[in-house]
mmCIF file of all heavy atoms, coordinates in Angstrom:
data_MODEL
# 
_entry.id   MODEL 
# 
loop_
_atom_site.group_PDB 
_atom_site.id 
_atom_site.type_symbol 
_atom_site.label_atom_id 
_atom_site.label_alt_id 
_atom_site.label_comp_id 
_atom_site.label_asym_id 
_atom_site.label_entity_id 
_atom_site.label_seq_id 
_atom_site.pdbx_PDB_ins_code 
_atom_site.Cartn_x 
_atom_site.Cartn_y 
_atom_site.Cartn_z 
_atom_site.occupancy 
_atom_site.B_iso_or_equiv 
_atom_site.pdbx_formal_charge 
_atom_site.auth_seq_id 
_atom_site.auth_comp_id 
_atom_site.auth_asym_id 
_atom_site.auth_atom_id 
_atom_site.pdbx_PDB_model_num 
ATOM 1   N N   . VAL A 1 1  ? 92.329  104.429 102.107 1.00 0.00 ? 1  VAL A N   1 
ATOM 2   C CA  . VAL A 1 1  ? 91.615  103.233 102.660 1.00 0.00 ? 1  VAL A CA  1 
ATOM 3   C C   . VAL A 1 1  ? 90.938  102.532 101.343 1.00 0.00 ? 1  VAL A C   1 
ATOM 4   O O   . VAL A 1 1  ? 90.818  101.332 101.347 1.00 0.00 ? 1  VAL A O   1 
ATOM 5   C CB  . VAL A 1 1  ? 90.620  103.474 103.763 1.00 0.00 ? 1  VAL A CB  1 
ATOM 6   C CG1 . VAL A 1 1  ? 89.743  102.234 104.142 1.00 0.00 ? 1  VAL A CG1 1 
ATOM 7   C CG2 . VAL A 1 1  ? 91.305  104.042 104.938 1.00 0.00 ? 1  VAL A CG2 1 
ATOM 8   N N   . VAL A 1 2  ? 90.480  103.310 100.493 1.00 0.00 ? 2  VAL A N   1 
ATOM 9   C CA  . VAL A 1 2  ? 89.818  102.903 99.213  1.00 0.00 ? 2  VAL A CA  1 
ATOM 10  C C   . VAL A 1 2  ? 90.675  101.847 98.502  1.00 0.00 ? 2  VAL A C   1 
ATOM 11  O O   . VAL A 1 2  ? 90.285  100.814 98.214  1.00 0.00 ? 2  VAL A O   1 
ATOM 12  C CB  . VAL A 1 2  ? 89.396  103.993 98.421  1.00 0.00 ? 2  VAL A CB  1 
ATOM 13  C CG1 . VAL A 1 2  ? 88.790  103.508 97.023  1.00 0.00 ? 2  VAL A CG1 1 
ATOM 14  C CG2 . VAL A 1 2  ? 88.342  104.860 99.063  1.00 0.00 ? 2  VAL A CG2 1 
ATOM 15  N N   . PHE A 1 3  ? 91.989  102.400 98.224  1.00 0.00 ? 3  PHE A N   1 
ATOM 16  C CA  . PHE A 1 3  ? 92.863  101.480 97.515  1.00 0.00 ? 3  PHE A CA  1 
ATOM 17  C C   . PHE A 1 3  ? 93.275  100.312 98.310  1.00 0.00 ? 3  PHE A C   1 
ATOM 18  O O   . PHE A 1 3  ? 93.405  99.201  97.788  1.00 0.00 ? 3  PHE A O   1 
ATOM 19  C CB  . PHE A 1 3  ? 94.022  102.251 97.010  1.00 0.00 ? 3  PHE A CB  1 
ATOM 20  C CG  . PHE A 1 3  ? 94.966  101.584 96.017  1.00 0.00 ? 3  PHE A CG  1 
ATOM 21  C CD1 . PHE A 1 3  ? 94.434  100.975 94.984  1.00 0.00 ? 3  PHE A CD1 1 
ATOM 22  C CD2 . PHE A 1 3  ? 96.294  101.499 96.247  1.00 0.00 ? 3  PHE A CD2 1 
ATOM 23  C CE1 . PHE A 1 3  ? 95.336  100.270 94.100  1.00 0.00 ? 3  PHE A CE1 1 
ATOM 24  C CE2 . PHE A 1 3  ? 97.198  100.731 95.532  1.00 0.00 ? 3  PHE A CE2 1 
ATOM 25  C CZ  . PHE A 1 3  ? 96.686  100.250 94.370  1.00 0.00 ? 3  PHE A CZ  1 
ATOM 26  N N   . GLN A 1 4  ? 93.587  100.455 99.567  1.00 0.00 ? 4  GLN A N   1 
ATOM 27  C CA  . GLN A 1 4  ? 94.020  99.351  100.399 1.00 0.00 ? 4  GLN A CA  1 
ATOM 28  C C   . GLN A 1 4  ? 92.933  98.325  100.435 1.00 0.00 ? 4  GLN A C   1 
ATOM 29  O O   . GLN A 1 4  ? 93.265  97.159  100.446 1.00 0.00 ? 4  GLN A O   1 
ATOM 30  C CB  . GLN A 1 4  ? 94.229  99.915  101.965 1.00 0.00 ? 4  GLN A CB  1 
ATOM 31  C CG  . GLN A 1 4  ? 94.721  98.811  103.001 1.00 0.00 ? 4  GLN A CG  1 
ATOM 32  C CD  . GLN A 1 4  ? 94.593  99.322  104.349 1.00 0.00 ? 4  GLN A CD  1 
ATOM 33  O OE1 . GLN A 1 4  ? 93.647  100.043 104.745 1.00 0.00 ? 4  GLN A OE1 1 
ATOM 34  N NE2 . GLN A 1 4  ? 95.511  99.049  105.163 1.00 0.00 ? 4  GLN A NE2 1 
ATOM 35  N N   . GLU A 1 5  ? 91.685  98.674  100.651 1.00 0.00 ? 5  GLU A N   1 
ATOM 36  C CA  . GLU A 1 5  ? 90.570  97.731  100.571 1.00 0.00 ? 5  GLU A CA  1 
ATOM 37  C C   . GLU A 1 5  ? 90.510  96.870  99.335  1.00 0.00 ? 5  GLU A C   1 
ATOM 38  O O   . GLU A 1 5  ? 90.178  95.713  99.239  1.00 0.00 ? 5  GLU A O   1 
ATOM 39  C CB  . GLU A 1 5  ? 89.304  98.351  100.927 1.00 0.00 ? 5  GLU A CB  1 
ATOM 40  C CG  . GLU A 1 5  ? 89.134  98.718  102.520 1.00 0.00 ? 5  GLU A CG  1 
ATOM 41  C CD  . GLU A 1 5  ? 89.164  97.318  103.225 1.00 0.00 ? 5  GLU A CD  1 
ATOM 42  O OE1 . GLU A 1 5  ? 88.366  96.492  102.978 1.00 0.00 ? 5  GLU A OE1 1 
ATOM 43  O OE2 . GLU A 1 5  ? 89.941  97.458  104.214 1.00 0.00 ? 5  GLU A OE2 1 
ATOM 44  N N   . TRP A 1 6  ? 90.640  97.670  98.149  1.00 0.00 ? 6  TRP A N   1 
ATOM 45  C CA  . TRP A 1 6  ? 90.645  96.989  96.920  1.00 0.00 ? 6  TRP A CA  1 
ATOM 46  C C   . TRP A 1 6  ? 91.763  95.978  96.826  1.00 0.00 ? 6  TRP A C   1 
ATOM 47  O O   . TRP A 1 6  ? 91.556  94.787  96.377  1.00 0.00 ? 6  TRP A O   1 
ATOM 48  C CB  . TRP A 1 6  ? 90.867  97.951  95.689  1.00 0.00 ? 6  TRP A CB  1 
ATOM 49  C CG  . TRP A 1 6  ? 90.596  97.356  94.417  1.00 0.00 ? 6  TRP A CG  1 
ATOM 50  C CD1 . TRP A 1 6  ? 89.396  97.261  93.639  1.00 0.00 ? 6  TRP A CD1 1 
ATOM 51  C CD2 . TRP A 1 6  ? 91.541  96.662  93.601  1.00 0.00 ? 6  TRP A CD2 1 
ATOM 52  N NE1 . TRP A 1 6  ? 89.594  96.547  92.565  1.00 0.00 ? 6  TRP A NE1 1 
ATOM 53  C CE2 . TRP A 1 6  ? 90.867  96.043  92.437  1.00 0.00 ? 6  TRP A CE2 1 
ATOM 54  C CE3 . TRP A 1 6  ? 92.924  96.366  93.756  1.00 0.00 ? 6  TRP A CE3 1 
ATOM 55  C CZ2 . TRP A 1 6  ? 91.538  95.340  91.492  1.00 0.00 ? 6  TRP A CZ2 1 
ATOM 56  C CZ3 . TRP A 1 6  ? 93.540  95.616  92.747  1.00 0.00 ? 6  TRP A CZ3 1 
ATOM 57  C CH2 . TRP A 1 6  ? 92.855  95.191  91.677  1.00 0.00 ? 6  TRP A CH2 1 
ATOM 58  N N   . VAL A 1 7  ? 92.997  96.280  97.197  1.00 0.00 ? 7  VAL A N   1 
ATOM 59  C CA  . VAL A 1 7  ? 94.065  95.293  97.163  1.00 0.00 ? 7  VAL A CA  1 
ATOM 60  C C   . VAL A 1 7  ? 93.798  94.158  98.118  1.00 0.00 ? 7  VAL A C   1 
ATOM 61  O O   . VAL A 1 7  ? 94.068  92.958  97.720  1.00 0.00 ? 7  VAL A O   1 
ATOM 62  C CB  . VAL A 1 7  ? 95.444  96.031  97.591  1.00 0.00 ? 7  VAL A CB  1 
ATOM 63  C CG1 . VAL A 1 7  ? 96.524  95.041  97.810  1.00 0.00 ? 7  VAL A CG1 1 
ATOM 64  C CG2 . VAL A 1 7  ? 95.776  97.205  96.593  1.00 0.00 ? 7  VAL A CG2 1 
ATOM 65  N N   . ASN A 1 8  ? 93.314  94.353  99.284  1.00 0.00 ? 8  ASN A N   1 
ATOM 66  C CA  . ASN A 1 8  ? 92.800  93.249  100.125 1.00 0.00 ? 8  ASN A CA  1 
ATOM 67  C C   . ASN A 1 8  ? 91.843  92.321  99.552  1.00 0.00 ? 8  ASN A C   1 
ATOM 68  O O   . ASN A 1 8  ? 91.981  91.170  99.653  1.00 0.00 ? 8  ASN A O   1 
ATOM 69  C CB  . ASN A 1 8  ? 92.308  93.851  101.440 1.00 0.00 ? 8  ASN A CB  1 
ATOM 70  C CG  . ASN A 1 8  ? 93.405  94.384  102.299 1.00 0.00 ? 8  ASN A CG  1 
ATOM 71  O OD1 . ASN A 1 8  ? 94.595  94.010  102.221 1.00 0.00 ? 8  ASN A OD1 1 
ATOM 72  N ND2 . ASN A 1 8  ? 93.007  95.250  103.285 1.00 0.00 ? 8  ASN A ND2 1 
ATOM 73  N N   . GLN A 1 9  ? 90.860  92.918  98.735  1.00 0.00 ? 9  GLN A N   1 
ATOM 74  C CA  . GLN A 1 9  ? 89.853  92.143  98.093  1.00 0.00 ? 9  GLN A CA  1 
ATOM 75  C C   . GLN A 1 9  ? 90.419  91.238  97.015  1.00 0.00 ? 9  GLN A C   1 
ATOM 76  O O   . GLN A 1 9  ? 90.130  90.203  96.714  1.00 0.00 ? 9  GLN A O   1 
ATOM 77  C CB  . GLN A 1 9  ? 88.701  92.936  97.652  1.00 0.00 ? 9  GLN A CB  1 
ATOM 78  C CG  . GLN A 1 9  ? 87.758  93.537  98.738  1.00 0.00 ? 9  GLN A CG  1 
ATOM 79  C CD  . GLN A 1 9  ? 87.227  92.402  99.632  1.00 0.00 ? 9  GLN A CD  1 
ATOM 80  O OE1 . GLN A 1 9  ? 86.715  91.434  99.080  1.00 0.00 ? 9  GLN A OE1 1 
ATOM 81  N NE2 . GLN A 1 9  ? 87.249  92.481  100.866 1.00 0.00 ? 9  GLN A NE2 1 
ATOM 82  N N   . TRP A 1 10 ? 91.379  91.903  96.249  1.00 0.00 ? 10 TRP A N   1 
ATOM 83  C CA  . TRP A 1 10 ? 92.139  91.279  95.269  1.00 0.00 ? 10 TRP A CA  1 
ATOM 84  C C   . TRP A 1 10 ? 92.876  90.050  95.782  1.00 0.00 ? 10 TRP A C   1 
ATOM 85  O O   . TRP A 1 10 ? 92.879  88.909  95.203  1.00 0.00 ? 10 TRP A O   1 
ATOM 86  C CB  . TRP A 1 10 ? 93.059  92.292  94.481  1.00 0.00 ? 10 TRP A CB  1 
ATOM 87  C CG  . TRP A 1 10 ? 94.142  91.561  93.612  1.00 0.00 ? 10 TRP A CG  1 
ATOM 88  C CD1 . TRP A 1 10 ? 93.965  91.096  92.286  1.00 0.00 ? 10 TRP A CD1 1 
ATOM 89  C CD2 . TRP A 1 10 ? 95.492  91.414  93.936  1.00 0.00 ? 10 TRP A CD2 1 
ATOM 90  N NE1 . TRP A 1 10 ? 95.129  90.639  91.924  1.00 0.00 ? 10 TRP A NE1 1 
ATOM 91  C CE2 . TRP A 1 10 ? 96.024  90.897  92.812  1.00 0.00 ? 10 TRP A CE2 1 
ATOM 92  C CE3 . TRP A 1 10 ? 96.263  91.867  95.035  1.00 0.00 ? 10 TRP A CE3 1 
ATOM 93  C CZ2 . TRP A 1 10 ? 97.475  90.544  92.831  1.00 0.00 ? 10 TRP A CZ2 1 
ATOM 94  C CZ3 . TRP A 1 10 ? 97.728  91.494  94.911  1.00 0.00 ? 10 TRP A CZ3 1 
ATOM 95  C CH2 . TRP A 1 10 ? 98.205  90.832  93.870  1.00 0.00 ? 10 TRP A CH2 1 
ATOM 96  N N   . LEU A 1 11 ? 93.531  90.272  96.874  1.00 0.00 ? 11 LEU A N   1 
ATOM 97  C CA  . LEU A 1 11 ? 94.257  89.142  97.500  1.00 0.00 ? 11 LEU A CA  1 
ATOM 98  C C   . LEU A 1 11 ? 93.373  88.060  97.922  1.00 0.00 ? 11 LEU A C   1 
ATOM 99  O O   . LEU A 1 11 ? 93.582  86.847  97.582  1.00 0.00 ? 11 LEU A O   1 
ATOM 100 C CB  . LEU A 1 11 ? 95.014  89.649  98.744  1.00 0.00 ? 11 LEU A CB  1 
ATOM 101 C CG  . LEU A 1 11 ? 96.384  90.193  98.683  1.00 0.00 ? 11 LEU A CG  1 
ATOM 102 C CD1 . LEU A 1 11 ? 96.957  90.769  99.845  1.00 0.00 ? 11 LEU A CD1 1 
ATOM 103 C CD2 . LEU A 1 11 ? 97.344  89.072  98.127  1.00 0.00 ? 11 LEU A CD2 1 
ATOM 104 N N   . HIS A 1 12 ? 92.201  88.417  98.502  1.00 0.00 ? 12 HIS A N   1 
ATOM 105 C CA  . HIS A 1 12 ? 91.245  87.436  98.982  1.00 0.00 ? 12 HIS A CA  1 
ATOM 106 C C   . HIS A 1 12 ? 90.718  86.609  97.858  1.00 0.00 ? 12 HIS A C   1 
ATOM 107 O O   . HIS A 1 12 ? 90.639  85.348  97.859  1.00 0.00 ? 12 HIS A O   1 
ATOM 108 C CB  . HIS A 1 12 ? 90.106  88.120  99.674  1.00 0.00 ? 12 HIS A CB  1 
ATOM 109 C CG  . HIS A 1 12 ? 88.922  87.256  100.090 1.00 0.00 ? 12 HIS A CG  1 
ATOM 110 N ND1 . HIS A 1 12 ? 88.978  86.362  101.103 1.00 0.00 ? 12 HIS A ND1 1 
ATOM 111 C CD2 . HIS A 1 12 ? 87.705  87.203  99.500  1.00 0.00 ? 12 HIS A CD2 1 
ATOM 112 C CE1 . HIS A 1 12 ? 87.846  85.729  101.266 1.00 0.00 ? 12 HIS A CE1 1 
ATOM 113 N NE2 . HIS A 1 12 ? 87.041  86.162  100.290 1.00 0.00 ? 12 HIS A NE2 1 
ATOM 114 N N   . LEU A 1 13 ? 90.368  87.246  96.714  1.00 0.00 ? 13 LEU A N   1 
ATOM 115 C CA  . LEU A 1 13 ? 89.785  86.535  95.543  1.00 0.00 ? 13 LEU A CA  1 
ATOM 116 C C   . LEU A 1 13 ? 90.791  85.666  94.941  1.00 0.00 ? 13 LEU A C   1 
ATOM 117 O O   . LEU A 1 13 ? 90.524  84.631  94.463  1.00 0.00 ? 13 LEU A O   1 
ATOM 118 C CB  . LEU A 1 13 ? 89.203  87.566  94.539  1.00 0.00 ? 13 LEU A CB  1 
ATOM 119 C CG  . LEU A 1 13 ? 87.917  88.244  95.122  1.00 0.00 ? 13 LEU A CG  1 
ATOM 120 C CD1 . LEU A 1 13 ? 87.558  89.384  94.122  1.00 0.00 ? 13 LEU A CD1 1 
ATOM 121 C CD2 . LEU A 1 13 ? 86.842  87.205  95.266  1.00 0.00 ? 13 LEU A CD2 1 
ATOM 122 N N   . MET A 1 14 ? 92.123  86.132  94.825  1.00 0.00 ? 14 MET A N   1 
ATOM 123 C CA  . MET A 1 14 ? 93.140  85.340  94.264  1.00 0.00 ? 14 MET A CA  1 
ATOM 124 C C   . MET A 1 14 ? 93.356  84.050  94.882  1.00 0.00 ? 14 MET A C   1 
ATOM 125 O O   . MET A 1 14 ? 93.721  83.030  94.408  1.00 0.00 ? 14 MET A O   1 
ATOM 126 C CB  . MET A 1 14 ? 94.485  86.068  94.248  1.00 0.00 ? 14 MET A CB  1 
ATOM 127 C CG  . MET A 1 14 ? 94.716  86.897  92.998  1.00 0.00 ? 14 MET A CG  1 
ATOM 128 S SD  . MET A 1 14 ? 96.427  87.209  92.769  1.00 0.00 ? 14 MET A SD  1 
ATOM 129 C CE  . MET A 1 14 ? 96.948  87.614  94.466  1.00 0.00 ? 14 MET A CE  1 
ATOM 130 N N   . ARG A 1 15 ? 93.442  84.097  96.262  1.00 0.00 ? 15 ARG A N   1 
ATOM 131 C CA  . ARG A 1 15 ? 93.570  83.022  97.146  1.00 0.00 ? 15 ARG A CA  1 
ATOM 132 C C   . ARG A 1 15 ? 92.335  81.996  96.960  1.00 0.00 ? 15 ARG A C   1 
ATOM 133 O O   . ARG A 1 15 ? 92.525  80.745  96.899  1.00 0.00 ? 15 ARG A O   1 
ATOM 134 C CB  . ARG A 1 15 ? 93.704  83.358  98.588  1.00 0.00 ? 15 ARG A CB  1 
ATOM 135 C CG  . ARG A 1 15 ? 94.963  83.947  98.909  1.00 0.00 ? 15 ARG A CG  1 
ATOM 136 C CD  . ARG A 1 15 ? 95.084  84.142  100.506 1.00 0.00 ? 15 ARG A CD  1 
ATOM 137 N NE  . ARG A 1 15 ? 96.357  84.737  100.799 1.00 0.00 ? 15 ARG A NE  1 
ATOM 138 C CZ  . ARG A 1 15 ? 97.477  84.068  100.889 1.00 0.00 ? 15 ARG A CZ  1 
ATOM 139 N NH1 . ARG A 1 15 ? 97.546  82.881  100.598 1.00 0.00 ? 15 ARG A NH1 1 
ATOM 140 N NH2 . ARG A 1 15 ? 98.597  84.715  101.289 1.00 0.00 ? 15 ARG A NH2 1 
ATOM 141 N N   . GLY A 1 16 ? 91.194  82.473  96.712  1.00 0.00 ? 16 GLY A N   1 
ATOM 142 C CA  . GLY A 1 16 ? 90.022  81.686  96.606  1.00 0.00 ? 16 GLY A CA  1 
ATOM 143 C C   . GLY A 1 16 ? 89.909  81.082  95.252  1.00 0.00 ? 16 GLY A C   1 
ATOM 144 O O   . GLY A 1 16 ? 89.468  79.891  95.201  1.00 0.00 ? 16 GLY A O   1 
ATOM 145 N N   . ASP A 1 17 ? 90.324  81.742  94.175  1.00 0.00 ? 17 ASP A N   1 
ATOM 146 C CA  . ASP A 1 17 ? 90.237  81.098  92.823  1.00 0.00 ? 17 ASP A CA  1 
ATOM 147 C C   . ASP A 1 17 ? 91.438  80.374  92.393  1.00 0.00 ? 17 ASP A C   1 
ATOM 148 O O   . ASP A 1 17 ? 91.472  79.877  91.246  1.00 0.00 ? 17 ASP A O   1 
ATOM 149 C CB  . ASP A 1 17 ? 89.829  82.201  91.837  1.00 0.00 ? 17 ASP A CB  1 
ATOM 150 C CG  . ASP A 1 17 ? 90.897  83.196  91.479  1.00 0.00 ? 17 ASP A CG  1 
ATOM 151 O OD1 . ASP A 1 17 ? 92.035  82.967  91.839  1.00 0.00 ? 17 ASP A OD1 1 
ATOM 152 O OD2 . ASP A 1 17 ? 90.558  84.250  90.987  1.00 0.00 ? 17 ASP A OD2 1 
ATOM 153 N N   . GLY A 1 18 ? 92.426  80.188  93.266  1.00 0.00 ? 18 GLY A N   1 
ATOM 154 C CA  . GLY A 1 18 ? 93.606  79.384  92.958  1.00 0.00 ? 18 GLY A CA  1 
ATOM 155 C C   . GLY A 1 18 ? 94.704  80.292  92.137  1.00 0.00 ? 18 GLY A C   1 
ATOM 156 O O   . GLY A 1 18 ? 95.748  79.650  91.945  1.00 0.00 ? 18 GLY A O   1 
ATOM 157 N N   . THR A 1 19 ? 94.543  81.444  91.815  1.00 0.00 ? 19 THR A N   1 
ATOM 158 C CA  . THR A 1 19 ? 95.473  82.172  91.116  1.00 0.00 ? 19 THR A CA  1 
ATOM 159 C C   . THR A 1 19 ? 96.749  82.377  91.955  1.00 0.00 ? 19 THR A C   1 
ATOM 160 O O   . THR A 1 19 ? 97.966  82.265  91.416  1.00 0.00 ? 19 THR A O   1 
ATOM 161 C CB  . THR A 1 19 ? 94.912  83.558  90.751  1.00 0.00 ? 19 THR A CB  1 
ATOM 162 O OG1 . THR A 1 19 ? 93.799  83.456  90.021  1.00 0.00 ? 19 THR A OG1 1 
ATOM 163 C CG2 . THR A 1 19 ? 95.929  84.451  89.947  1.00 0.00 ? 19 THR A CG2 1 
ATOM 164 N N   . PHE A 1 20 ? 96.626  82.722  93.246  1.00 0.00 ? 20 PHE A N   1 
ATOM 165 C CA  . PHE A 1 20 ? 97.793  82.883  94.088  1.00 0.00 ? 20 PHE A CA  1 
ATOM 166 C C   . PHE A 1 20 ? 98.718  81.659  94.160  1.00 0.00 ? 20 PHE A C   1 
ATOM 167 O O   . PHE A 1 20 ? 99.807  81.727  93.897  1.00 0.00 ? 20 PHE A O   1 
ATOM 168 C CB  . PHE A 1 20 ? 97.384  83.429  95.444  1.00 0.00 ? 20 PHE A CB  1 
ATOM 169 C CG  . PHE A 1 20 ? 98.612  83.690  96.450  1.00 0.00 ? 20 PHE A CG  1 
ATOM 170 C CD1 . PHE A 1 20 ? 99.010  85.044  96.391  1.00 0.00 ? 20 PHE A CD1 1 
ATOM 171 C CD2 . PHE A 1 20 ? 99.148  82.718  97.255  1.00 0.00 ? 20 PHE A CD2 1 
ATOM 172 C CE1 . PHE A 1 20 ? 100.110 85.299  97.205  1.00 0.00 ? 20 PHE A CE1 1 
ATOM 173 C CE2 . PHE A 1 20 ? 100.263 83.024  97.962  1.00 0.00 ? 20 PHE A CE2 1 
ATOM 174 C CZ  . PHE A 1 20 ? 100.749 84.371  97.994  1.00 0.00 ? 20 PHE A CZ  1 
ATOM 175 N N   . ASP A 1 21 ? 98.069  80.641  94.365  1.00 0.00 ? 21 ASP A N   1 
ATOM 176 C CA  . ASP A 1 21 ? 98.815  79.313  94.447  1.00 0.00 ? 21 ASP A CA  1 
ATOM 177 C C   . ASP A 1 21 ? 99.490  78.892  93.206  1.00 0.00 ? 21 ASP A C   1 
ATOM 178 O O   . ASP A 1 21 ? 100.638 78.492  93.039  1.00 0.00 ? 21 ASP A O   1 
ATOM 179 C CB  . ASP A 1 21 ? 97.939  78.130  94.979  1.00 0.00 ? 21 ASP A CB  1 
ATOM 180 C CG  . ASP A 1 21 ? 97.509  78.187  96.388  1.00 0.00 ? 21 ASP A CG  1 
ATOM 181 O OD1 . ASP A 1 21 ? 98.264  79.014  97.083  1.00 0.00 ? 21 ASP A OD1 1 
ATOM 182 O OD2 . ASP A 1 21 ? 96.503  77.608  96.792  1.00 0.00 ? 21 ASP A OD2 1 
ATOM 183 N N   . ARG A 1 22 ? 98.879  79.166  91.966  1.00 0.00 ? 22 ARG A N   1 
ATOM 184 C CA  . ARG A 1 22 ? 99.434  78.905  90.774  1.00 0.00 ? 22 ARG A CA  1 
ATOM 185 C C   . ARG A 1 22 ? 100.664 79.786  90.393  1.00 0.00 ? 22 ARG A C   1 
ATOM 186 O O   . ARG A 1 22 ? 101.581 79.214  89.938  1.00 0.00 ? 22 ARG A O   1 
ATOM 187 C CB  . ARG A 1 22 ? 98.326  79.122  89.707  1.00 0.00 ? 22 ARG A CB  1 
ATOM 188 C CG  . ARG A 1 22 ? 98.869  78.937  88.276  1.00 0.00 ? 22 ARG A CG  1 
ATOM 189 C CD  . ARG A 1 22 ? 97.696  79.214  87.151  1.00 0.00 ? 22 ARG A CD  1 
ATOM 190 N NE  . ARG A 1 22 ? 97.011  80.417  87.323  1.00 0.00 ? 22 ARG A NE  1 
ATOM 191 C CZ  . ARG A 1 22 ? 97.664  81.689  86.818  1.00 0.00 ? 22 ARG A CZ  1 
ATOM 192 N NH1 . ARG A 1 22 ? 98.805  81.649  86.256  1.00 0.00 ? 22 ARG A NH1 1 
ATOM 193 N NH2 . ARG A 1 22 ? 96.994  82.771  87.029  1.00 0.00 ? 22 ARG A NH2 1 
ATOM 194 N N   . ILE A 1 23 ? 100.633 81.012  90.821  1.00 0.00 ? 23 ILE A N   1 
ATOM 195 C CA  . ILE A 1 23 ? 101.695 81.886  90.547  1.00 0.00 ? 23 ILE A CA  1 
ATOM 196 C C   . ILE A 1 23 ? 102.834 81.624  91.537  1.00 0.00 ? 23 ILE A C   1 
ATOM 197 O O   . ILE A 1 23 ? 103.934 81.602  91.170  1.00 0.00 ? 23 ILE A O   1 
ATOM 198 C CB  . ILE A 1 23 ? 101.265 83.276  90.651  1.00 0.00 ? 23 ILE A CB  1 
ATOM 199 C CG1 . ILE A 1 23 ? 100.325 83.678  89.438  1.00 0.00 ? 23 ILE A CG1 1 
ATOM 200 C CG2 . ILE A 1 23 ? 102.534 84.266  90.635  1.00 0.00 ? 23 ILE A CG2 1 
ATOM 201 C CD1 . ILE A 1 23 ? 99.810  85.048  89.428  1.00 0.00 ? 23 ILE A CD1 1 
ATOM 202 N N   . ALA A 1 24 ? 102.464 81.375  92.858  1.00 0.00 ? 24 ALA A N   1 
ATOM 203 C CA  . ALA A 1 24 ? 103.461 81.316  93.964  1.00 0.00 ? 24 ALA A CA  1 
ATOM 204 C C   . ALA A 1 24 ? 104.213 79.951  93.876  1.00 0.00 ? 24 ALA A C   1 
ATOM 205 O O   . ALA A 1 24 ? 105.378 79.860  94.162  1.00 0.00 ? 24 ALA A O   1 
ATOM 206 C CB  . ALA A 1 24 ? 102.762 81.446  95.262  1.00 0.00 ? 24 ALA A CB  1 
ATOM 207 N N   . LYS A 1 25 ? 103.553 78.871  93.461  1.00 0.00 ? 25 LYS A N   1 
ATOM 208 C CA  . LYS A 1 25 ? 104.155 77.553  93.636  1.00 0.00 ? 25 LYS A CA  1 
ATOM 209 C C   . LYS A 1 25 ? 105.575 77.438  92.913  1.00 0.00 ? 25 LYS A C   1 
ATOM 210 O O   . LYS A 1 25 ? 106.548 76.886  93.486  1.00 0.00 ? 25 LYS A O   1 
ATOM 211 C CB  . LYS A 1 25 ? 103.252 76.467  93.126  1.00 0.00 ? 25 LYS A CB  1 
ATOM 212 C CG  . LYS A 1 25 ? 103.702 75.014  93.457  1.00 0.00 ? 25 LYS A CG  1 
ATOM 213 C CD  . LYS A 1 25 ? 102.627 73.979  93.112  1.00 0.00 ? 25 LYS A CD  1 
ATOM 214 C CE  . LYS A 1 25 ? 103.234 72.577  93.434  1.00 0.00 ? 25 LYS A CE  1 
ATOM 215 N NZ  . LYS A 1 25 ? 102.086 71.587  93.101  1.00 0.00 ? 25 LYS A NZ  1 
ATOM 216 N N   . PRO A 1 26 ? 105.731 77.889  91.644  1.00 0.00 ? 26 PRO A N   1 
ATOM 217 C CA  . PRO A 1 26 ? 107.099 77.658  91.013  1.00 0.00 ? 26 PRO A CA  1 
ATOM 218 C C   . PRO A 1 26 ? 108.175 78.561  91.811  1.00 0.00 ? 26 PRO A C   1 
ATOM 219 O O   . PRO A 1 26 ? 109.358 78.161  91.578  1.00 0.00 ? 26 PRO A O   1 
ATOM 220 C CB  . PRO A 1 26 ? 106.851 78.240  89.653  1.00 0.00 ? 26 PRO A CB  1 
ATOM 221 C CG  . PRO A 1 26 ? 105.329 78.273  89.416  1.00 0.00 ? 26 PRO A CG  1 
ATOM 222 C CD  . PRO A 1 26 ? 104.674 78.420  90.681  1.00 0.00 ? 26 PRO A CD  1 
# 
């Protein structure tokens, strides 16, 4: 659960700061 929660928080922050969209768009 410790690692799963870290990955989830990473996903959440990436979506919030625009990193996910920047990488995914191309």
